[in-house]
């Protein structure tokens, strides 16, 4: 069977997400290849439920999978081991929680080789593009610092009332999970969400994310884009401690 894939020219509009390759194709959810990786293109993509994902030496590839993995902030699953980790960091003054203190550092941490693979989709062009979005106030990082060093990070994109989780890393036990807790706490405080998790993984499912049909996800996205997001992304240790009370 032959599949039709859109070749995206710089500045051209994205095709309808419903034209993405189906689940039984070799690349489920792939919609288009090419185009620019700049802030205007990224904003247009996310507003239509499309995101970039490609490797080193490849052209930009744009995806809109069906179903879509989504986490409602109020449905985050906090298991016993994570509750213990939260109590540990909250009890030690050598840990700090910050938002947008070192966005580039978080992206670089997410791009670093993992134990299971040396490959990454967070290539230098992606880092520069999302750092530009951060400058515009549309991309944010949640950060766990230990003894003055960045120990874990999570970065996301936000449009209106919608949040798009991108990637996270940690060098301390459960660090990235704790930051996901912090992101969910921030979202609940400001009426944001759901959090788009993009691809289905067992790890996200254990944290409470669940797949939604693409049509349902896109309908929710259109509604959330009409909501004004928070003007200031601040979330401190005391707020996290207060929000943790419902999970601990």
C-alpha atoms as a PDB file:
ATOM      1  CA  UNK A   1       0.000   0.000   0.000  1.00  0.00           C
ATOM      2  CA  UNK A   2       1.267   3.486  -0.854  1.00  0.00           C
ATOM      3  CA  UNK A   3       0.966   6.339   1.634  1.00  0.00           C
ATOM      4  CA  UNK A   4       0.647  10.029   0.793  1.00  0.00           C
ATOM      5  CA  UNK A   5       2.861  12.375   2.809  1.00  0.00           C
ATOM      6  CA  UNK A   6       2.869  16.167   2.544  1.00  0.00           C
ATOM      7  CA  UNK A   7       6.124  17.910   1.635  1.00  0.00           C
ATOM      8  CA  UNK A   8       5.908  21.130   3.620  1.00  0.00           C
ATOM      9  CA  UNK A   9       7.463  24.227   2.043  1.00  0.00           C
ATOM     10  CA  UNK A  10       8.700  27.092   4.261  1.00  0.00           C
ATOM     11  CA  UNK A  11       5.789  29.334   5.194  1.00  0.00           C
ATOM     12  CA  UNK A  12       3.152  26.966   3.802  1.00  0.00           C
ATOM     13  CA  UNK A  13       0.153  26.037   5.974  1.00  0.00           C
ATOM     14  CA  UNK A  14       0.001  22.636   7.599  1.00  0.00           C
ATOM     15  CA  UNK A  15      -2.326  20.026   6.143  1.00  0.00           C
ATOM     16  CA  UNK A  16      -5.337  18.789   8.096  1.00  0.00           C
ATOM     17  CA  UNK A  17      -4.110  16.562  10.974  1.00  0.00           C
ATOM     18  CA  UNK A  18      -6.621  13.947   9.841  1.00  0.00           C
ATOM     19  CA  UNK A  19      -4.312  13.360   6.858  1.00  0.00           C
ATOM     20  CA  UNK A  20      -1.544  12.003   9.102  1.00  0.00           C
ATOM     21  CA  UNK A  21      -0.450   8.451   8.383  1.00  0.00           C
ATOM     22  CA  UNK A  22      -2.739   5.918  10.103  1.00  0.00           C
ATOM     23  CA  UNK A  23      -1.907   3.548  12.939  1.00  0.00           C
ATOM     24  CA  UNK A  24      -1.240   0.599  10.585  1.00  0.00           C
ATOM     25  CA  UNK A  25       1.288   2.552   8.487  1.00  0.00           C
ATOM     26  CA  UNK A  26       5.085   2.390   8.940  1.00  0.00           C
ATOM     27  CA  UNK A  27       5.112   5.827  10.642  1.00  0.00           C
ATOM     28  CA  UNK A  28       1.823   6.293  12.520  1.00  0.00           C
ATOM     29  CA  UNK A  29       0.905   9.939  12.993  1.00  0.00           C
ATOM     30  CA  UNK A  30       3.464  11.411  10.582  1.00  0.00           C
ATOM     31  CA  UNK A  31       1.796  14.311   8.775  1.00  0.00           C
ATOM     32  CA  UNK A  32       4.423  16.322   6.895  1.00  0.00           C
ATOM     33  CA  UNK A  33       8.135  16.676   6.247  1.00  0.00           C
ATOM     34  CA  UNK A  34      10.049  19.905   5.724  1.00  0.00           C
ATOM     35  CA  UNK A  35       9.300  23.538   6.428  1.00  0.00           C
ATOM     36  CA  UNK A  36      10.989  25.854   8.895  1.00  0.00           C
ATOM     37  CA  UNK A  37      11.681  25.258  12.554  1.00  0.00           C
ATOM     38  CA  UNK A  38      10.984  28.795  13.737  1.00  0.00           C
ATOM     39  CA  UNK A  39       8.635  30.300  16.307  1.00  0.00           C
ATOM     40  CA  UNK A  40       5.897  31.184  13.808  1.00  0.00           C
ATOM     41  CA  UNK A  41       5.831  27.634  12.423  1.00  0.00           C
ATOM     42  CA  UNK A  42       5.932  26.049  15.868  1.00  0.00           C
ATOM     43  CA  UNK A  43       3.076  28.208  17.152  1.00  0.00           C
ATOM     44  CA  UNK A  44       0.991  27.363  14.094  1.00  0.00           C
ATOM     45  CA  UNK A  45       1.784  23.666  14.531  1.00  0.00           C
ATOM     46  CA  UNK A  46       0.879  23.426  18.212  1.00  0.00           C
ATOM     47  CA  UNK A  47      -2.317  25.388  17.689  1.00  0.00           C
ATOM     48  CA  UNK A  48      -3.389  22.606  15.297  1.00  0.00           C
ATOM     49  CA  UNK A  49      -2.274  19.686  17.450  1.00  0.00           C
ATOM     50  CA  UNK A  50       0.943  19.096  15.491  1.00  0.00           C
ATOM     51  CA  UNK A  51       4.454  18.767  16.927  1.00  0.00           C
ATOM     52  CA  UNK A  52       7.980  18.260  15.524  1.00  0.00           C
ATOM     53  CA  UNK A  53      10.009  15.113  16.122  1.00  0.00           C
ATOM     54  CA  UNK A  54      13.059  14.171  14.107  1.00  0.00           C
ATOM     55  CA  UNK A  55      16.663  13.105  14.499  1.00  0.00           C
ATOM     56  CA  UNK A  56      20.065  14.506  13.684  1.00  0.00           C
ATOM     57  CA  UNK A  57      20.607  14.942   9.933  1.00  0.00           C
ATOM     58  CA  UNK A  58      16.880  14.652   9.176  1.00  0.00           C
ATOM     59  CA  UNK A  59      14.530  17.386   7.929  1.00  0.00           C
ATOM     60  CA  UNK A  60      11.798  18.592  10.300  1.00  0.00           C
ATOM     61  CA  UNK A  61       9.091  15.948  10.642  1.00  0.00           C
ATOM     62  CA  UNK A  62       5.649  16.940  11.875  1.00  0.00           C
ATOM     63  CA  UNK A  63       3.335  14.550  13.735  1.00  0.00           C
ATOM     64  CA  UNK A  64      -0.278  14.296  14.877  1.00  0.00           C
ATOM     65  CA  UNK A  65      -0.839  10.756  16.206  1.00  0.00           C
ATOM     66  CA  UNK A  66      -4.180   9.118  16.808  1.00  0.00           C
ATOM     67  CA  UNK A  67      -4.826   8.441  19.642  1.00  0.00           C
ATOM     68  CA  UNK A  68      -3.080  11.185  21.605  1.00  0.00           C
ATOM     69  CA  UNK A  69      -1.685  10.644  25.111  1.00  0.00           C
ATOM     70  CA  UNK A  70      -3.099  13.220  27.531  1.00  0.00           C
ATOM     71  CA  UNK A  71      -2.721  13.827  31.268  1.00  0.00           C
ATOM     72  CA  UNK A  72      -5.369  15.686  33.229  1.00  0.00           C
ATOM     73  CA  UNK A  73      -3.493  17.460  36.064  1.00  0.00           C
ATOM     74  CA  UNK A  74      -6.031  16.307  38.637  1.00  0.00           C
ATOM     75  CA  UNK A  75      -5.622  12.681  37.552  1.00  0.00           C
ATOM     76  CA  UNK A  76      -1.885  12.424  38.219  1.00  0.00           C
ATOM     77  CA  UNK A  77      -1.104   9.121  39.919  1.00  0.00           C
ATOM     78  CA  UNK A  78       1.348   9.537  42.802  1.00  0.00           C
ATOM     79  CA  UNK A  79       2.478   6.143  44.025  1.00  0.00           C
ATOM     80  CA  UNK A  80       3.990   5.348  47.415  1.00  0.00           C
ATOM     81  CA  UNK A  81       7.624   5.551  46.277  1.00  0.00           C
ATOM     82  CA  UNK A  82       7.031   8.967  44.715  1.00  0.00           C
ATOM     83  CA  UNK A  83       5.317  10.224  47.870  1.00  0.00           C
ATOM     84  CA  UNK A  84       8.413   9.163  49.805  1.00  0.00           C
ATOM     85  CA  UNK A  85      10.661  11.021  47.350  1.00  0.00           C
ATOM     86  CA  UNK A  86       8.519  14.148  47.683  1.00  0.00           C
ATOM     87  CA  UNK A  87       8.763  14.023  51.481  1.00  0.00           C
ATOM     88  CA  UNK A  88      12.532  13.612  51.219  1.00  0.00           C
ATOM     89  CA  UNK A  89      13.175  16.649  49.006  1.00  0.00           C
ATOM     90  CA  UNK A  90      10.725  18.806  50.936  1.00  0.00           C
ATOM     91  CA  UNK A  91      12.558  17.993  54.162  1.00  0.00           C
ATOM     92  CA  UNK A  92      16.040  18.899  52.906  1.00  0.00           C
ATOM     93  CA  UNK A  93      17.193  22.490  52.439  1.00  0.00           C
ATOM     94  CA  UNK A  94      19.769  21.475  49.815  1.00  0.00           C
ATOM     95  CA  UNK A  95      16.950  21.011  47.264  1.00  0.00           C
ATOM     96  CA  UNK A  96      15.330  23.967  45.491  1.00  0.00           C
ATOM     97  CA  UNK A  97      12.454  24.251  43.025  1.00  0.00           C
ATOM     98  CA  UNK A  98      12.575  26.899  40.304  1.00  0.00           C
ATOM     99  CA  UNK A  99      10.674  27.791  37.145  1.00  0.00           C
ATOM    100  CA  UNK A 100      12.480  29.251  34.108  1.00  0.00           C
ATOM    101  CA  UNK A 101      15.769  29.742  35.944  1.00  0.00           C
ATOM    102  CA  UNK A 102      17.829  27.892  33.301  1.00  0.00           C
ATOM    103  CA  UNK A 103      15.605  26.942  30.373  1.00  0.00           C
ATOM    104  CA  UNK A 104      18.499  26.264  28.006  1.00  0.00           C
ATOM    105  CA  UNK A 105      20.209  24.124  30.638  1.00  0.00           C
ATOM    106  CA  UNK A 106      17.062  22.029  30.989  1.00  0.00           C
ATOM    107  CA  UNK A 107      16.882  21.492  27.236  1.00  0.00           C
ATOM    108  CA  UNK A 108      20.536  20.525  27.141  1.00  0.00           C
ATOM    109  CA  UNK A 109      19.941  18.080  29.984  1.00  0.00           C
ATOM    110  CA  UNK A 110      17.022  16.550  28.098  1.00  0.00           C
ATOM    111  CA  UNK A 111      19.195  16.274  24.976  1.00  0.00           C
ATOM    112  CA  UNK A 112      22.021  14.453  26.756  1.00  0.00           C
ATOM    113  CA  UNK A 113      22.480  10.729  25.949  1.00  0.00           C
ATOM    114  CA  UNK A 114      20.391   8.350  28.037  1.00  0.00           C
ATOM    115  CA  UNK A 115      21.443   4.995  29.417  1.00  0.00           C
ATOM    116  CA  UNK A 116      19.291   3.116  26.880  1.00  0.00           C
ATOM    117  CA  UNK A 117      20.170   5.186  23.788  1.00  0.00           C
ATOM    118  CA  UNK A 118      22.596   7.796  22.527  1.00  0.00           C
ATOM    119  CA  UNK A 119      20.056   9.184  20.061  1.00  0.00           C
ATOM    120  CA  UNK A 120      18.020  12.318  20.706  1.00  0.00           C
ATOM    121  CA  UNK A 121      15.437  14.336  18.837  1.00  0.00           C
ATOM    122  CA  UNK A 122      16.494  17.461  20.741  1.00  0.00           C
ATOM    123  CA  UNK A 123      19.070  18.507  18.163  1.00  0.00           C
ATOM    124  CA  UNK A 124      20.736  21.970  18.288  1.00  0.00           C
ATOM    125  CA  UNK A 125      18.132  23.472  15.925  1.00  0.00           C
ATOM    126  CA  UNK A 126      15.358  22.316  18.275  1.00  0.00           C
ATOM    127  CA  UNK A 127      17.121  23.836  21.299  1.00  0.00           C
ATOM    128  CA  UNK A 128      17.454  27.199  19.548  1.00  0.00           C
ATOM    129  CA  UNK A 129      13.830  27.160  18.355  1.00  0.00           C
ATOM    130  CA  UNK A 130      12.381  26.414  21.798  1.00  0.00           C
ATOM    131  CA  UNK A 131      14.720  28.885  23.487  1.00  0.00           C
ATOM    132  CA  UNK A 132      13.218  31.485  21.128  1.00  0.00           C
ATOM    133  CA  UNK A 133       9.745  30.390  22.241  1.00  0.00           C
ATOM    134  CA  UNK A 134      10.912  30.722  25.841  1.00  0.00           C
ATOM    135  CA  UNK A 135      11.989  34.301  25.127  1.00  0.00           C
ATOM    136  CA  UNK A 136       8.444  34.944  23.848  1.00  0.00           C
ATOM    137  CA  UNK A 137       6.997  33.511  27.075  1.00  0.00           C
ATOM    138  CA  UNK A 138       5.538  30.406  25.433  1.00  0.00           C
ATOM    139  CA  UNK A 139       7.967  27.720  26.614  1.00  0.00           C
ATOM    140  CA  UNK A 140       8.796  27.078  30.263  1.00  0.00           C
ATOM    141  CA  UNK A 141      11.002  24.892  32.414  1.00  0.00           C
ATOM    142  CA  UNK A 142      10.412  23.372  35.841  1.00  0.00           C
ATOM    143  CA  UNK A 143      13.700  22.699  37.578  1.00  0.00           C
ATOM    144  CA  UNK A 144      14.942  20.799  40.621  1.00  0.00           C
ATOM    145  CA  UNK A 145      18.260  22.076  41.954  1.00  0.00           C
ATOM    146  CA  UNK A 146      20.470  20.201  44.425  1.00  0.00           C
ATOM    147  CA  UNK A 147      23.321  21.936  46.223  1.00  0.00           C
ATOM    148  CA  UNK A 148      23.250  24.746  43.671  1.00  0.00           C
ATOM    149  CA  UNK A 149      23.341  22.436  40.632  1.00  0.00           C
ATOM    150  CA  UNK A 150      20.589  21.641  38.151  1.00  0.00           C
ATOM    151  CA  UNK A 151      19.617  18.056  39.021  1.00  0.00           C
ATOM    152  CA  UNK A 152      16.384  17.559  37.066  1.00  0.00           C
ATOM    153  CA  UNK A 153      14.352  19.454  34.520  1.00  0.00           C
ATOM    154  CA  UNK A 154      11.111  19.390  32.569  1.00  0.00           C
ATOM    155  CA  UNK A 155      10.188  21.756  29.756  1.00  0.00           C
ATOM    156  CA  UNK A 156       6.849  22.427  28.150  1.00  0.00           C
ATOM    157  CA  UNK A 157       5.059  24.637  25.654  1.00  0.00           C
ATOM    158  CA  UNK A 158       1.921  26.591  26.563  1.00  0.00           C
ATOM    159  CA  UNK A 159      -0.736  28.163  24.371  1.00  0.00           C
ATOM    160  CA  UNK A 160      -3.819  29.641  25.994  1.00  0.00           C
ATOM    161  CA  UNK A 161      -5.071  27.149  28.547  1.00  0.00           C
ATOM    162  CA  UNK A 162      -3.278  24.195  26.967  1.00  0.00           C
ATOM    163  CA  UNK A 163       0.068  22.764  28.058  1.00  0.00           C
ATOM    164  CA  UNK A 164       2.256  20.562  25.872  1.00  0.00           C
ATOM    165  CA  UNK A 165       4.784  18.451  27.740  1.00  0.00           C
ATOM    166  CA  UNK A 166       7.987  18.002  25.759  1.00  0.00           C
ATOM    167  CA  UNK A 167      10.763  16.236  27.643  1.00  0.00           C
ATOM    168  CA  UNK A 168      12.367  15.796  31.052  1.00  0.00           C
ATOM    169  CA  UNK A 169      15.560  14.493  32.606  1.00  0.00           C
ATOM    170  CA  UNK A 170      16.911  13.754  36.051  1.00  0.00           C
ATOM    171  CA  UNK A 171      20.134  12.844  37.794  1.00  0.00           C
ATOM    172  CA  UNK A 172      18.443  12.211  41.157  1.00  0.00           C
ATOM    173  CA  UNK A 173      15.860   9.617  42.080  1.00  0.00           C
ATOM    174  CA  UNK A 174      12.335  10.507  40.923  1.00  0.00           C
ATOM    175  CA  UNK A 175      13.466  14.052  40.051  1.00  0.00           C
ATOM    176  CA  UNK A 176      11.539  14.287  36.792  1.00  0.00           C
ATOM    177  CA  UNK A 177       8.428  12.766  38.390  1.00  0.00           C
ATOM    178  CA  UNK A 178       8.569  15.379  41.140  1.00  0.00           C
ATOM    179  CA  UNK A 179       8.693  18.096  38.489  1.00  0.00           C
ATOM    180  CA  UNK A 180       5.674  16.571  36.763  1.00  0.00           C
ATOM    181  CA  UNK A 181       3.914  16.843  40.132  1.00  0.00           C
ATOM    182  CA  UNK A 182       4.953  20.501  40.280  1.00  0.00           C
ATOM    183  CA  UNK A 183       3.692  21.148  36.747  1.00  0.00           C
ATOM    184  CA  UNK A 184       0.355  19.527  37.604  1.00  0.00           C
ATOM    185  CA  UNK A 185       0.139  21.623  40.767  1.00  0.00           C
ATOM    186  CA  UNK A 186       0.799  24.789  38.767  1.00  0.00           C
ATOM    187  CA  UNK A 187      -1.814  23.797  36.182  1.00  0.00           C
ATOM    188  CA  UNK A 188      -4.442  23.141  38.845  1.00  0.00           C
ATOM    189  CA  UNK A 189      -3.754  26.535  40.432  1.00  0.00           C
ATOM    190  CA  UNK A 190      -4.226  28.346  37.114  1.00  0.00           C
ATOM    191  CA  UNK A 191      -6.951  26.242  35.509  1.00  0.00           C
ATOM    192  CA  UNK A 192      -4.613  24.907  32.826  1.00  0.00           C
ATOM    193  CA  UNK A 193      -4.698  21.572  31.078  1.00  0.00           C
ATOM    194  CA  UNK A 194      -4.937  18.943  29.989  1.00  0.00           C
ATOM    195  CA  UNK A 195      -1.230  18.307  29.442  1.00  0.00           C
ATOM    196  CA  UNK A 196      -0.492  16.914  25.998  1.00  0.00           C
ATOM    197  CA  UNK A 197       1.963  14.015  26.373  1.00  0.00           C
ATOM    198  CA  UNK A 198       1.981  13.319  22.615  1.00  0.00           C
ATOM    199  CA  UNK A 199       3.038   9.661  22.364  1.00  0.00           C
ATOM    200  CA  UNK A 200       1.755   6.650  24.276  1.00  0.00           C
ATOM    201  CA  UNK A 201       4.223   5.134  26.739  1.00  0.00           C
ATOM    202  CA  UNK A 202       3.828   2.735  29.659  1.00  0.00           C
ATOM    203  CA  UNK A 203       5.623   5.223  31.928  1.00  0.00           C
ATOM    204  CA  UNK A 204       3.095   7.980  31.215  1.00  0.00           C
ATOM    205  CA  UNK A 205       0.214   5.550  31.616  1.00  0.00           C
ATOM    206  CA  UNK A 206       1.464   4.651  35.111  1.00  0.00           C
ATOM    207  CA  UNK A 207       1.503   8.367  35.935  1.00  0.00           C
ATOM    208  CA  UNK A 208      -2.172   8.694  34.976  1.00  0.00           C
ATOM    209  CA  UNK A 209      -2.044   9.746  31.330  1.00  0.00           C
ATOM    210  CA  UNK A 210      -4.480   8.094  28.956  1.00  0.00           C
ATOM    211  CA  UNK A 211      -5.013   7.973  25.202  1.00  0.00           C
ATOM    212  CA  UNK A 212      -7.700  10.107  23.602  1.00  0.00           C
ATOM    213  CA  UNK A 213      -8.973   9.967  20.028  1.00  0.00           C
ATOM    214  CA  UNK A 214      -7.323  12.684  17.957  1.00  0.00           C
ATOM    215  CA  UNK A 215     -10.677  14.274  17.081  1.00  0.00           C
ATOM    216  CA  UNK A 216     -11.515  14.608  20.787  1.00  0.00           C
ATOM    217  CA  UNK A 217      -8.074  15.998  21.560  1.00  0.00           C
ATOM    218  CA  UNK A 218      -8.335  18.597  18.786  1.00  0.00           C
ATOM    219  CA  UNK A 219     -11.774  19.693  19.993  1.00  0.00           C
ATOM    220  CA  UNK A 220     -10.394  20.204  23.509  1.00  0.00           C
ATOM    221  CA  UNK A 221      -7.401  22.060  22.090  1.00  0.00           C
ATOM    222  CA  UNK A 222      -9.614  24.508  20.160  1.00  0.00           C
ATOM    223  CA  UNK A 223     -11.561  25.250  23.341  1.00  0.00           C
ATOM    224  CA  UNK A 224      -8.422  25.751  25.434  1.00  0.00           C
ATOM    225  CA  UNK A 225      -6.891  28.143  22.912  1.00  0.00           C
ATOM    226  CA  UNK A 226      -9.682  30.622  23.671  1.00  0.00           C
ATOM    227  CA  UNK A 227      -8.530  30.863  27.308  1.00  0.00           C
ATOM    228  CA  UNK A 228      -5.875  33.357  28.353  1.00  0.00           C
ATOM    229  CA  UNK A 229      -2.945  31.662  30.049  1.00  0.00           C
ATOM    230  CA  UNK A 230      -1.244  32.969  33.204  1.00  0.00           C
ATOM    231  CA  UNK A 231       0.755  36.154  32.755  1.00  0.00           C
ATOM    232  CA  UNK A 232       3.443  35.009  35.142  1.00  0.00           C
ATOM    233  CA  UNK A 233       4.876  31.518  35.483  1.00  0.00           C
ATOM    234  CA  UNK A 234       6.025  31.411  39.094  1.00  0.00           C
ATOM    235  CA  UNK A 235       5.839  28.385  41.340  1.00  0.00           C
ATOM    236  CA  UNK A 236       7.869  28.219  44.508  1.00  0.00           C
ATOM    237  CA  UNK A 237       8.740  25.633  47.125  1.00  0.00           C
ATOM    238  CA  UNK A 238       5.958  26.708  49.507  1.00  0.00           C
ATOM    239  CA  UNK A 239       3.316  26.352  46.792  1.00  0.00           C
ATOM    240  CA  UNK A 240       4.637  22.914  45.876  1.00  0.00           C
ATOM    241  CA  UNK A 241       4.591  21.882  49.535  1.00  0.00           C
ATOM    242  CA  UNK A 242       0.976  23.057  49.868  1.00  0.00           C
ATOM    243  CA  UNK A 243      -0.112  21.272  46.676  1.00  0.00           C
ATOM    244  CA  UNK A 244       1.675  18.090  47.706  1.00  0.00           C
ATOM    245  CA  UNK A 245      -0.633  17.821  50.711  1.00  0.00           C
ATOM    246  CA  UNK A 246      -3.374  16.397  48.476  1.00  0.00           C
ATOM    247  CA  UNK A 247      -1.008  13.707  47.142  1.00  0.00           C
ATOM    248  CA  UNK A 248       0.942  12.914  50.319  1.00  0.00           C
END
